[in-house]
Amino acid sequence: MEFVDTHAHLASADFREDLATVLGQAREAGVGAVIAVTEDLTEAERALELATQHPGLRPAAGIHPDRVVGLSSPAPLLAEFAALAELARLRRGELVALGEVGLDFWKAAGHEERLLQETLLTSFVALARELDLPLSVHSRAAGRATIELLRRSGAERVVLHAFDGKRSTADPGLEAGYFFSVPPSLVRSPQKQKLFKRFPLERLLLETDSPVLGATPGARNEPACVVRAAEELARLQGVSLAEVAEVTTRNAQMLFRLPGGLSGSDPAGLSGSDPGGLSGSDPGSPTATPADRDRDRGPGSLPLPATTTGPRPPT
């Protein structure tokens, strides 16, 4: 069985000292690939660098919505977005997603902070459409608003990670074809157990959100623990672990366009014999042609210029 951890913060300081060991343990647990989401420009640059050293690590570039909290001026964050957008254009062939991005109304209580989050997310939707990349989306205490904004802005390829809303809130996302990812904290979250027990497996992915959202509060979560999320999901839905692994891996392959074909014996082409997996030696670079930069970017988005100037809370 192969698993894909679709959301882990491996470019953060939490894994600076032992990343190779962590990835080795993930490989031993059957994890074929890990999507390394990032929270700012510095982490995005580091994730891209790490991907050249660890082929099973797949980099994403994003700005976490919590970055808006406490700003005296939005100017530095807008400049950082412009720089990250240019980085994403230049390194498009190496990225598998834009994220972590989204809304967080638990952290952003004021109107101005929430408005800036919404502007930033709208701009990331536009960038995702331009570059034909999926979005890894945070929506804490903002599920309804997040899905409404994504749909209104024309977001097409989306995973809502660690969704904390009700099924009725998630349904418009399902109707739009969005995926939802399940962390190991499923084992201790009545909200997530209720949500995902009857959720269509065809719209689910696995994640860890390492180093947080583990099965044990306070312990560092790691990509190997994605198997715990799969086991609990299998128990809740009354299906085999093998089925959860097969379907969620195929879903990850489809959303992130990971190397390999869906019809082979290795659903995502991520095993050790494939250089695209954690044990390979060549990271590879998926090819893609960016969409026309003049495509409608949606209302409220930031400009996407051709040139540029210039301890995580649990999620």
C-alpha atoms as a PDB file:
ATOM      1  CA  MET A   1       0.000   0.000   0.000  1.00  0.00           C
ATOM      2  CA  GLU A   2       1.085   3.535  -0.790  1.00  0.00           C
ATOM      3  CA  PHE A   3       0.016   6.687   1.016  1.00  0.00           C
ATOM      4  CA  VAL A   4       0.433  10.363   0.177  1.00  0.00           C
ATOM      5  CA  ASP A   5       0.693  13.017   2.882  1.00  0.00           C
ATOM      6  CA  THR A   6      -0.854  15.985   1.088  1.00  0.00           C
ATOM      7  CA  HIS A   7      -0.151  18.644   3.728  1.00  0.00           C
ATOM      8  CA  ALA A   8       2.955  18.836   5.922  1.00  0.00           C
ATOM      9  CA  HIS A   9       5.144  21.748   7.028  1.00  0.00           C
ATOM     10  CA  LEU A  10       8.491  20.123   6.324  1.00  0.00           C
ATOM     11  CA  ALA A  11      10.185  23.417   5.415  1.00  0.00           C
ATOM     12  CA  SER A  12       9.531  24.770   8.907  1.00  0.00           C
ATOM     13  CA  ALA A  13      12.119  24.941  11.650  1.00  0.00           C
ATOM     14  CA  ASP A  14      10.466  21.953  13.362  1.00  0.00           C
ATOM     15  CA  PHE A  15      12.185  19.586  10.907  1.00  0.00           C
ATOM     16  CA  ARG A  16      15.427  21.426  10.265  1.00  0.00           C
ATOM     17  CA  GLU A  17      17.584  19.016  12.255  1.00  0.00           C
ATOM     18  CA  ASP A  18      16.188  15.605  11.274  1.00  0.00           C
ATOM     19  CA  LEU A  19      14.270  15.876   8.003  1.00  0.00           C
ATOM     20  CA  ALA A  20      16.132  12.989   6.340  1.00  0.00           C
ATOM     21  CA  THR A  21      15.277  10.721   9.270  1.00  0.00           C
ATOM     22  CA  VAL A  22      11.643  11.826   9.236  1.00  0.00           C
ATOM     23  CA  LEU A  23      11.339  11.111   5.512  1.00  0.00           C
ATOM     24  CA  GLY A  24      13.040   7.744   5.957  1.00  0.00           C
ATOM     25  CA  GLN A  25      10.513   6.777   8.606  1.00  0.00           C
ATOM     26  CA  ALA A  26       7.707   7.913   6.327  1.00  0.00           C
ATOM     27  CA  ARG A  27       9.031   5.733   3.534  1.00  0.00           C
ATOM     28  CA  GLU A  28       9.191   2.743   5.874  1.00  0.00           C
ATOM     29  CA  ALA A  29       5.548   3.390   6.815  1.00  0.00           C
ATOM     30  CA  GLY A  30       4.511   3.269   3.144  1.00  0.00           C
ATOM     31  CA  VAL A  31       4.351   6.989   2.413  1.00  0.00           C
ATOM     32  CA  GLY A  32       5.369   7.565  -1.185  1.00  0.00           C
ATOM     33  CA  ALA A  33       5.240  11.349  -1.337  1.00  0.00           C
ATOM     34  CA  VAL A  34       4.737  14.357   0.923  1.00  0.00           C
ATOM     35  CA  ILE A  35       3.403  17.737  -0.186  1.00  0.00           C
ATOM     36  CA  ALA A  36       5.452  20.355   1.681  1.00  0.00           C
ATOM     37  CA  VAL A  37       3.159  23.348   2.109  1.00  0.00           C
ATOM     38  CA  THR A  38       4.684  26.656   3.164  1.00  0.00           C
ATOM     39  CA  GLU A  39       3.607  29.764   5.055  1.00  0.00           C
ATOM     40  CA  ASP A  40       5.788  32.515   3.592  1.00  0.00           C
ATOM     41  CA  LEU A  41       8.302  33.321   0.884  1.00  0.00           C
ATOM     42  CA  THR A  42      11.295  32.107   2.893  1.00  0.00           C
ATOM     43  CA  GLU A  43       9.700  28.716   3.517  1.00  0.00           C
ATOM     44  CA  ALA A  44       8.678  28.431  -0.137  1.00  0.00           C
ATOM     45  CA  GLU A  45      12.272  28.959  -1.227  1.00  0.00           C
ATOM     46  CA  ARG A  46      13.425  26.380   1.307  1.00  0.00           C
ATOM     47  CA  ALA A  47      10.836  23.830   0.178  1.00  0.00           C
ATOM     48  CA  LEU A  48      12.028  24.173  -3.402  1.00  0.00           C
ATOM     49  CA  GLU A  49      15.609  23.638  -2.240  1.00  0.00           C
ATOM     50  CA  LEU A  50      14.680  20.632  -0.102  1.00  0.00           C
ATOM     51  CA  ALA A  51      12.860  19.030  -3.022  1.00  0.00           C
ATOM     52  CA  THR A  52      16.141  18.849  -4.929  1.00  0.00           C
ATOM     53  CA  GLN A  53      17.643  16.892  -2.020  1.00  0.00           C
ATOM     54  CA  HIS A  54      14.637  14.721  -1.142  1.00  0.00           C
ATOM     55  CA  PRO A  55      12.790  13.605  -4.294  1.00  0.00           C
ATOM     56  CA  GLY A  56       9.664  12.435  -2.467  1.00  0.00           C
ATOM     57  CA  LEU A  57       9.149  15.887  -1.022  1.00  0.00           C
ATOM     58  CA  ARG A  58       6.883  17.890  -3.351  1.00  0.00           C
ATOM     59  CA  PRO A  59       7.013  21.664  -2.805  1.00  0.00           C
ATOM     60  CA  ALA A  60       4.149  24.119  -2.575  1.00  0.00           C
ATOM     61  CA  ALA A  61       4.332  27.901  -2.214  1.00  0.00           C
ATOM     62  CA  GLY A  62       1.946  29.934  -0.107  1.00  0.00           C
ATOM     63  CA  ILE A  63       1.328  32.646   2.473  1.00  0.00           C
ATOM     64  CA  HIS A  64      -0.611  31.535   5.534  1.00  0.00           C
ATOM     65  CA  PRO A  65      -3.673  33.681   6.331  1.00  0.00           C
ATOM     66  CA  ASP A  66      -2.475  34.207   9.910  1.00  0.00           C
ATOM     67  CA  ARG A  67       0.291  36.409   8.502  1.00  0.00           C
ATOM     68  CA  VAL A  68      -2.189  39.298   8.310  1.00  0.00           C
ATOM     69  CA  VAL A  69      -2.726  39.379  12.077  1.00  0.00           C
ATOM     70  CA  GLY A  70      -1.218  42.383  13.860  1.00  0.00           C
ATOM     71  CA  LEU A  71       0.132  44.132  10.765  1.00  0.00           C
ATOM     72  CA  SER A  72       0.413  47.908  11.034  1.00  0.00           C
ATOM     73  CA  SER A  73       0.338  48.125   7.242  1.00  0.00           C
ATOM     74  CA  PRO A  74      -0.528  45.602   4.517  1.00  0.00           C
ATOM     75  CA  ALA A  75       2.285  46.845   2.276  1.00  0.00           C
ATOM     76  CA  PRO A  76       4.995  44.338   3.328  1.00  0.00           C
ATOM     77  CA  LEU A  77       2.623  41.393   2.910  1.00  0.00           C
ATOM     78  CA  LEU A  78       1.489  42.598  -0.511  1.00  0.00           C
ATOM     79  CA  ALA A  79       5.123  42.957  -1.564  1.00  0.00           C
ATOM     80  CA  GLU A  80       5.802  39.430  -0.313  1.00  0.00           C
ATOM     81  CA  PHE A  81       2.884  38.127  -2.359  1.00  0.00           C
ATOM     82  CA  ALA A  82       4.292  39.804  -5.467  1.00  0.00           C
ATOM     83  CA  ALA A  83       7.687  38.201  -4.844  1.00  0.00           C
ATOM     84  CA  LEU A  84       6.152  34.785  -4.192  1.00  0.00           C
ATOM     85  CA  ALA A  85       4.029  35.048  -7.348  1.00  0.00           C
ATOM     86  CA  GLU A  86       7.161  35.717  -9.383  1.00  0.00           C
ATOM     87  CA  LEU A  87       8.961  32.800  -7.723  1.00  0.00           C
ATOM     88  CA  ALA A  88       6.013  30.552  -8.578  1.00  0.00           C
ATOM     89  CA  ARG A  89       6.170  31.622 -12.207  1.00  0.00           C
ATOM     90  CA  LEU A  90       9.900  31.045 -12.429  1.00  0.00           C
ATOM     91  CA  ARG A  91       9.776  27.647 -10.681  1.00  0.00           C
ATOM     92  CA  ARG A  92       6.387  26.490 -11.989  1.00  0.00           C
ATOM     93  CA  GLY A  93       7.746  23.154 -13.188  1.00  0.00           C
ATOM     94  CA  GLU A  94       8.899  22.246  -9.682  1.00  0.00           C
ATOM     95  CA  LEU A  95       5.782  23.238  -7.729  1.00  0.00           C
ATOM     96  CA  VAL A  96       2.809  20.927  -7.260  1.00  0.00           C
ATOM     97  CA  ALA A  97       0.517  23.440  -5.522  1.00  0.00           C
ATOM     98  CA  LEU A  98       0.008  26.866  -4.034  1.00  0.00           C
ATOM     99  CA  GLY A  99      -0.449  26.651  -0.298  1.00  0.00           C
ATOM    100  CA  GLU A 100      -0.960  27.015   2.501  1.00  0.00           C
ATOM    101  CA  VAL A 101      -3.405  29.815   1.746  1.00  0.00           C
ATOM    102  CA  GLY A 102      -6.917  30.631   2.894  1.00  0.00           C
ATOM    103  CA  LEU A 103      -8.982  32.335   5.576  1.00  0.00           C
ATOM    104  CA  ASP A 104      -8.767  32.089   9.351  1.00  0.00           C
ATOM    105  CA  PHE A 105     -11.545  33.916  11.179  1.00  0.00           C
ATOM    106  CA  TRP A 106     -10.442  32.398  14.493  1.00  0.00           C
ATOM    107  CA  LYS A 107      -7.180  34.368  14.365  1.00  0.00           C
ATOM    108  CA  ALA A 108      -8.385  37.356  12.334  1.00  0.00           C
ATOM    109  CA  ALA A 109     -11.202  38.862  14.344  1.00  0.00           C
ATOM    110  CA  GLY A 110     -11.235  42.362  12.891  1.00  0.00           C
ATOM    111  CA  HIS A 111     -12.877  43.472   9.664  1.00  0.00           C
ATOM    112  CA  GLU A 112      -9.685  44.867   8.126  1.00  0.00           C
ATOM    113  CA  GLU A 113      -7.698  41.703   8.813  1.00  0.00           C
ATOM    114  CA  ARG A 114     -10.411  39.511   7.342  1.00  0.00           C
ATOM    115  CA  LEU A 115     -10.684  41.755   4.301  1.00  0.00           C
ATOM    116  CA  LEU A 116      -6.940  41.456   3.702  1.00  0.00           C
ATOM    117  CA  GLN A 117      -7.164  37.665   4.047  1.00  0.00           C
ATOM    118  CA  GLU A 118      -9.943  37.605   1.473  1.00  0.00           C
ATOM    119  CA  THR A 119      -7.981  39.827  -0.908  1.00  0.00           C
ATOM    120  CA  LEU A 120      -4.923  37.625  -0.557  1.00  0.00           C
ATOM    121  CA  LEU A 121      -6.888  34.408  -1.123  1.00  0.00           C
ATOM    122  CA  THR A 122      -8.617  35.878  -4.191  1.00  0.00           C
ATOM    123  CA  SER A 123      -5.192  36.738  -5.573  1.00  0.00           C
ATOM    124  CA  PHE A 124      -3.915  33.221  -4.941  1.00  0.00           C
ATOM    125  CA  VAL A 125      -6.922  31.820  -6.796  1.00  0.00           C
ATOM    126  CA  ALA A 126      -6.005  34.022  -9.751  1.00  0.00           C
ATOM    127  CA  LEU A 127      -2.387  32.885  -9.588  1.00  0.00           C
ATOM    128  CA  ALA A 128      -3.465  29.244  -9.386  1.00  0.00           C
ATOM    129  CA  ARG A 129      -5.586  29.693 -12.504  1.00  0.00           C
ATOM    130  CA  GLU A 130      -2.733  31.399 -14.311  1.00  0.00           C
ATOM    131  CA  LEU A 131      -0.231  28.663 -13.475  1.00  0.00           C
ATOM    132  CA  ASP A 132      -2.709  25.760 -13.528  1.00  0.00           C
ATOM    133  CA  LEU A 133      -1.838  24.692  -9.992  1.00  0.00           C
ATOM    134  CA  PRO A 134      -4.109  23.395  -7.228  1.00  0.00           C
ATOM    135  CA  LEU A 135      -4.684  25.270  -3.975  1.00  0.00           C
ATOM    136  CA  SER A 136      -4.101  23.838  -0.498  1.00  0.00           C
ATOM    137  CA  VAL A 137      -6.566  25.841   1.575  1.00  0.00           C
ATOM    138  CA  HIS A 138      -6.879  26.670   5.268  1.00  0.00           C
ATOM    139  CA  SER A 139     -10.360  27.598   6.496  1.00  0.00           C
ATOM    140  CA  ARG A 140     -10.389  27.575  10.296  1.00  0.00           C
ATOM    141  CA  ALA A 141     -13.672  29.012  11.623  1.00  0.00           C
ATOM    142  CA  ALA A 142     -14.306  30.254   8.076  1.00  0.00           C
ATOM    143  CA  GLY A 143     -15.472  27.233   6.106  1.00  0.00           C
ATOM    144  CA  ARG A 144     -18.544  28.787   4.545  1.00  0.00           C
ATOM    145  CA  ALA A 145     -16.816  32.066   3.653  1.00  0.00           C
ATOM    146  CA  THR A 146     -13.805  30.224   2.233  1.00  0.00           C
ATOM    147  CA  ILE A 147     -15.813  27.957  -0.047  1.00  0.00           C
ATOM    148  CA  GLU A 148     -17.998  30.836  -1.206  1.00  0.00           C
ATOM    149  CA  LEU A 149     -14.932  32.926  -2.067  1.00  0.00           C
ATOM    150  CA  LEU A 150     -13.235  30.031  -3.865  1.00  0.00           C
ATOM    151  CA  ARG A 151     -16.312  29.361  -5.990  1.00  0.00           C
ATOM    152  CA  ARG A 152     -16.936  33.042  -6.685  1.00  0.00           C
ATOM    153  CA  SER A 153     -13.304  33.520  -7.754  1.00  0.00           C
ATOM    154  CA  GLY A 154     -13.328  30.544 -10.109  1.00  0.00           C
ATOM    155  CA  ALA A 155     -11.081  28.166  -8.138  1.00  0.00           C
ATOM    156  CA  GLU A 156     -11.133  24.750  -9.786  1.00  0.00           C
ATOM    157  CA  ARG A 157      -8.472  22.502  -8.228  1.00  0.00           C
ATOM    158  CA  VAL A 158      -8.746  22.726  -4.445  1.00  0.00           C
ATOM    159  CA  VAL A 159      -8.138  20.735  -1.281  1.00  0.00           C
ATOM    160  CA  LEU A 160      -9.579  22.078   1.959  1.00  0.00           C
ATOM    161  CA  HIS A 161      -7.262  20.810   4.643  1.00  0.00           C
ATOM    162  CA  ALA A 162      -8.386  19.777   8.137  1.00  0.00           C
ATOM    163  CA  PHE A 163     -11.848  21.202   7.503  1.00  0.00           C
ATOM    164  CA  ASP A 164     -13.574  22.121  10.779  1.00  0.00           C
ATOM    165  CA  GLY A 165     -17.112  22.788   9.517  1.00  0.00           C
ATOM    166  CA  LYS A 166     -20.290  20.776   9.227  1.00  0.00           C
ATOM    167  CA  ARG A 167     -21.264  18.574   6.292  1.00  0.00           C
ATOM    168  CA  SER A 168     -23.813  21.169   5.181  1.00  0.00           C
ATOM    169  CA  THR A 169     -20.993  23.723   5.039  1.00  0.00           C
ATOM    170  CA  ALA A 170     -18.768  21.343   3.076  1.00  0.00           C
ATOM    171  CA  ASP A 171     -21.449  20.369   0.533  1.00  0.00           C
ATOM    172  CA  PRO A 172     -20.966  23.419  -1.767  1.00  0.00           C
ATOM    173  CA  GLY A 173     -17.283  22.487  -1.916  1.00  0.00           C
ATOM    174  CA  LEU A 174     -18.155  18.930  -2.884  1.00  0.00           C
ATOM    175  CA  GLU A 175     -20.500  20.279  -5.558  1.00  0.00           C
ATOM    176  CA  ALA A 176     -17.613  22.349  -6.933  1.00  0.00           C
ATOM    177  CA  GLY A 177     -15.409  19.233  -7.141  1.00  0.00           C
ATOM    178  CA  TYR A 178     -13.120  20.176  -4.272  1.00  0.00           C
ATOM    179  CA  PHE A 179     -11.216  17.654  -2.166  1.00  0.00           C
ATOM    180  CA  PHE A 180     -10.996  17.540   1.629  1.00  0.00           C
ATOM    181  CA  SER A 181      -8.029  16.116   3.546  1.00  0.00           C
ATOM    182  CA  VAL A 182      -8.064  14.136   6.775  1.00  0.00           C
ATOM    183  CA  PRO A 183      -5.360  14.457   9.476  1.00  0.00           C
ATOM    184  CA  PRO A 184      -4.428  11.978  12.242  1.00  0.00           C
ATOM    185  CA  SER A 185      -6.294  14.137  14.783  1.00  0.00           C
ATOM    186  CA  LEU A 186      -9.363  12.392  13.359  1.00  0.00           C
ATOM    187  CA  VAL A 187      -8.857   9.809  16.119  1.00  0.00           C
ATOM    188  CA  ARG A 188      -9.639  12.412  18.809  1.00  0.00           C
ATOM    189  CA  SER A 189     -11.954  14.856  17.045  1.00  0.00           C
ATOM    190  CA  PRO A 190     -15.704  14.186  17.316  1.00  0.00           C
ATOM    191  CA  GLN A 191     -16.310  16.946  14.753  1.00  0.00           C
ATOM    192  CA  LYS A 192     -14.087  15.315  12.156  1.00  0.00           C
ATOM    193  CA  GLN A 193     -15.376  11.836  12.930  1.00  0.00           C
ATOM    194  CA  LYS A 194     -18.950  12.993  12.370  1.00  0.00           C
ATOM    195  CA  LEU A 195     -17.991  14.879   9.199  1.00  0.00           C
ATOM    196  CA  PHE A 196     -15.931  12.194   7.505  1.00  0.00           C
ATOM    197  CA  LYS A 197     -17.826   9.047   8.540  1.00  0.00           C
ATOM    198  CA  ARG A 198     -20.174   9.325   5.552  1.00  0.00           C
ATOM    199  CA  PHE A 199     -18.073  11.591   3.370  1.00  0.00           C
ATOM    200  CA  PRO A 200     -17.495  10.310  -0.184  1.00  0.00           C
ATOM    201  CA  LEU A 201     -14.093   8.614  -0.213  1.00  0.00           C
ATOM    202  CA  GLU A 202     -13.638   9.776  -3.815  1.00  0.00           C
ATOM    203  CA  ARG A 203     -13.309  13.360  -2.525  1.00  0.00           C
ATOM    204  CA  LEU A 204     -10.893  12.635   0.331  1.00  0.00           C
ATOM    205  CA  LEU A 205      -7.142  12.925   0.722  1.00  0.00           C
ATOM    206  CA  LEU A 206      -4.852  12.148   3.645  1.00  0.00           C
ATOM    207  CA  GLU A 207      -2.641  14.655   5.434  1.00  0.00           C
ATOM    208  CA  THR A 208      -0.722  15.129   8.671  1.00  0.00           C
ATOM    209  CA  ASP A 209      -0.312  18.921   8.947  1.00  0.00           C
ATOM    210  CA  SER A 210       2.996  18.008  10.579  1.00  0.00           C
ATOM    211  CA  PRO A 211       4.174  19.020  13.100  1.00  0.00           C
ATOM    212  CA  VAL A 212       0.655  19.582  14.513  1.00  0.00           C
ATOM    213  CA  LEU A 213      -2.737  17.807  14.368  1.00  0.00           C
ATOM    214  CA  GLY A 214      -1.318  14.454  15.410  1.00  0.00           C
ATOM    215  CA  ALA A 215      -3.190  11.648  17.117  1.00  0.00           C
ATOM    216  CA  THR A 216      -1.572  12.594  20.442  1.00  0.00           C
ATOM    217  CA  PRO A 217      -1.925  16.227  21.559  1.00  0.00           C
ATOM    218  CA  GLY A 218       1.407  17.920  22.165  1.00  0.00           C
ATOM    219  CA  ALA A 219       3.515  15.314  20.368  1.00  0.00           C
ATOM    220  CA  ARG A 220       5.262  16.279  17.150  1.00  0.00           C
ATOM    221  CA  ASN A 221       3.302  14.946  14.209  1.00  0.00           C
ATOM    222  CA  GLU A 222       5.233  13.477  11.252  1.00  0.00           C
ATOM    223  CA  PRO A 223       4.387  12.243   7.723  1.00  0.00           C
ATOM    224  CA  ALA A 224       4.617   8.587   8.816  1.00  0.00           C
ATOM    225  CA  CYS A 225       1.576   9.250  10.991  1.00  0.00           C
ATOM    226  CA  VAL A 226      -0.593   9.696   7.903  1.00  0.00           C
ATOM    227  CA  VAL A 227      -1.190   5.955   8.168  1.00  0.00           C
ATOM    228  CA  ARG A 228      -3.005   6.588  11.455  1.00  0.00           C
ATOM    229  CA  ALA A 229      -5.414   8.912   9.665  1.00  0.00           C
ATOM    230  CA  ALA A 230      -5.993   6.237   7.026  1.00  0.00           C
ATOM    231  CA  GLU A 231      -6.640   3.554   9.635  1.00  0.00           C
ATOM    232  CA  GLU A 232      -9.182   5.667  11.496  1.00  0.00           C
ATOM    233  CA  LEU A 233     -10.903   6.690   8.267  1.00  0.00           C
ATOM    234  CA  ALA A 234     -11.157   3.035   7.227  1.00  0.00           C
ATOM    235  CA  ARG A 235     -12.671   2.168  10.608  1.00  0.00           C
ATOM    236  CA  LEU A 236     -15.211   4.985  10.445  1.00  0.00           C
ATOM    237  CA  GLN A 237     -16.326   4.212   6.908  1.00  0.00           C
ATOM    238  CA  GLY A 238     -16.297   0.443   7.301  1.00  0.00           C
ATOM    239  CA  VAL A 239     -13.859  -0.171   4.441  1.00  0.00           C
ATOM    240  CA  SER A 240     -10.439  -1.753   4.259  1.00  0.00           C
ATOM    241  CA  LEU A 241      -7.219   0.150   4.844  1.00  0.00           C
ATOM    242  CA  ALA A 242      -6.132  -0.953   1.380  1.00  0.00           C
ATOM    243  CA  GLU A 243      -9.169   0.743  -0.169  1.00  0.00           C
ATOM    244  CA  VAL A 244      -8.503   3.987   1.687  1.00  0.00           C
ATOM    245  CA  ALA A 245      -4.871   3.893   0.572  1.00  0.00           C
ATOM    246  CA  GLU A 246      -5.744   3.179  -3.044  1.00  0.00           C
ATOM    247  CA  VAL A 247      -8.489   5.775  -3.406  1.00  0.00           C
ATOM    248  CA  THR A 248      -6.786   8.606  -1.519  1.00  0.00           C
ATOM    249  CA  THR A 249      -3.501   8.030  -3.334  1.00  0.00           C
ATOM    250  CA  ARG A 250      -5.307   8.095  -6.665  1.00  0.00           C
ATOM    251  CA  ASN A 251      -7.067  11.292  -5.623  1.00  0.00           C
ATOM    252  CA  ALA A 252      -3.734  12.892  -4.720  1.00  0.00           C
ATOM    253  CA  GLN A 253      -2.279  11.810  -8.053  1.00  0.00           C
ATOM    254  CA  MET A 254      -5.186  13.449  -9.860  1.00  0.00           C
ATOM    255  CA  LEU A 255      -5.203  16.714  -7.921  1.00  0.00           C
ATOM    256  CA  PHE A 256      -1.458  17.328  -7.720  1.00  0.00           C
ATOM    257  CA  ARG A 257      -0.570  15.578 -10.990  1.00  0.00           C
ATOM    258  CA  LEU A 258       2.109  13.540  -9.310  1.00  0.00           C
ATOM    259  CA  PRO A 259       4.357  11.436 -11.562  1.00  0.00           C
ATOM    260  CA  GLY A 260       3.110   8.079 -12.680  1.00  0.00           C
ATOM    261  CA  GLY A 261      -0.059   6.683 -14.219  1.00  0.00           C
ATOM    262  CA  LEU A 262      -3.331   5.650 -12.644  1.00  0.00           C
ATOM    263  CA  SER A 263      -3.596   2.396 -14.532  1.00  0.00           C
ATOM    264  CA  GLY A 264      -0.342   0.809 -13.386  1.00  0.00           C
ATOM    265  CA  SER A 265       0.268  -1.443 -10.415  1.00  0.00           C
ATOM    266  CA  ASP A 266       1.610   1.567  -8.520  1.00  0.00           C
ATOM    267  CA  PRO A 267      -1.337   3.995  -8.572  1.00  0.00           C
ATOM    268  CA  ALA A 268       0.684   7.156  -8.095  1.00  0.00           C
ATOM    269  CA  GLY A 269       4.059   6.054  -9.399  1.00  0.00           C
ATOM    270  CA  LEU A 270       5.562   6.842  -5.991  1.00  0.00           C
ATOM    271  CA  SER A 271       7.246   3.624  -4.922  1.00  0.00           C
ATOM    272  CA  GLY A 272      10.955   3.233  -4.333  1.00  0.00           C
ATOM    273  CA  SER A 273      11.567   1.900  -7.843  1.00  0.00           C
ATOM    274  CA  ASP A 274      10.155   5.120  -9.279  1.00  0.00           C
ATOM    275  CA  PRO A 275      12.610   8.043  -9.054  1.00  0.00           C
ATOM    276  CA  GLY A 276       9.662  10.249  -8.243  1.00  0.00           C
ATOM    277  CA  GLY A 277       9.216   8.599  -4.836  1.00  0.00           C
ATOM    278  CA  LEU A 278      10.809   9.219  -1.463  1.00  0.00           C
ATOM    279  CA  SER A 279      13.592   6.742  -2.132  1.00  0.00           C
ATOM    280  CA  GLY A 280      14.433   7.935  -5.647  1.00  0.00           C
ATOM    281  CA  SER A 281      17.393  10.009  -6.753  1.00  0.00           C
ATOM    282  CA  ASP A 282      15.893  12.309  -9.365  1.00  0.00           C
ATOM    283  CA  PRO A 283      13.164  14.751  -8.332  1.00  0.00           C
ATOM    284  CA  GLY A 284      11.975  15.310 -11.880  1.00  0.00           C
ATOM    285  CA  SER A 285       9.954  18.305 -12.983  1.00  0.00           C
ATOM    286  CA  PRO A 286       6.399  18.003 -14.271  1.00  0.00           C
ATOM    287  CA  THR A 287       5.880  20.155 -17.306  1.00  0.00           C
ATOM    288  CA  ALA A 288       2.995  22.520 -17.712  1.00  0.00           C
ATOM    289  CA  THR A 289       2.129  25.533 -19.784  1.00  0.00           C
ATOM    290  CA  PRO A 290       0.853  28.506 -17.746  1.00  0.00           C
ATOM    291  CA  ALA A 291      -2.538  29.822 -18.729  1.00  0.00           C
ATOM    292  CA  ASP A 292      -2.845  33.178 -20.379  1.00  0.00           C
ATOM    293  CA  ARG A 293      -1.775  35.790 -17.807  1.00  0.00           C
ATOM    294  CA  ASP A 294      -4.599  38.043 -18.928  1.00  0.00           C
ATOM    295  CA  ARG A 295      -7.243  35.554 -17.770  1.00  0.00           C
ATOM    296  CA  ASP A 296      -9.881  37.096 -15.538  1.00  0.00           C
ATOM    297  CA  ARG A 297      -8.427  37.200 -12.046  1.00  0.00           C
ATOM    298  CA  GLY A 298     -11.674  37.790 -10.211  1.00  0.00           C
ATOM    299  CA  PRO A 299     -12.807  40.749  -8.142  1.00  0.00           C
ATOM    300  CA  GLY A 300     -10.650  41.955  -5.279  1.00  0.00           C
ATOM    301  CA  SER A 301      -7.435  40.244  -6.315  1.00  0.00           C
ATOM    302  CA  LEU A 302      -4.002  41.778  -6.052  1.00  0.00           C
ATOM    303  CA  PRO A 303      -2.099  42.639  -9.232  1.00  0.00           C
ATOM    304  CA  LEU A 304       0.169  39.843 -10.439  1.00  0.00           C
ATOM    305  CA  PRO A 305       3.167  41.720 -11.892  1.00  0.00           C
ATOM    306  CA  ALA A 306       5.590  40.194 -14.341  1.00  0.00           C
ATOM    307  CA  THR A 307       8.473  41.458 -12.212  1.00  0.00           C
ATOM    308  CA  THR A 308       8.866  41.870  -8.481  1.00  0.00           C
ATOM    309  CA  THR A 309      10.293  44.437  -6.080  1.00  0.00           C
ATOM    310  CA  GLY A 310      11.621  43.482  -3.610  1.00  0.00           C
ATOM    311  CA  PRO A 311       5.945  28.955  16.646  1.00  0.00           C
ATOM    312  CA  ARG A 312       2.992  27.960  14.282  1.00  0.00           C
ATOM    313  CA  PRO A 313      -0.353  27.613  16.123  1.00  0.00           C
ATOM    314  CA  PRO A 314      -2.314  24.393  15.481  1.00  0.00           C
ATOM    315  CA  THR A 315      -4.405  24.658  12.313  1.00  0.00           C
END
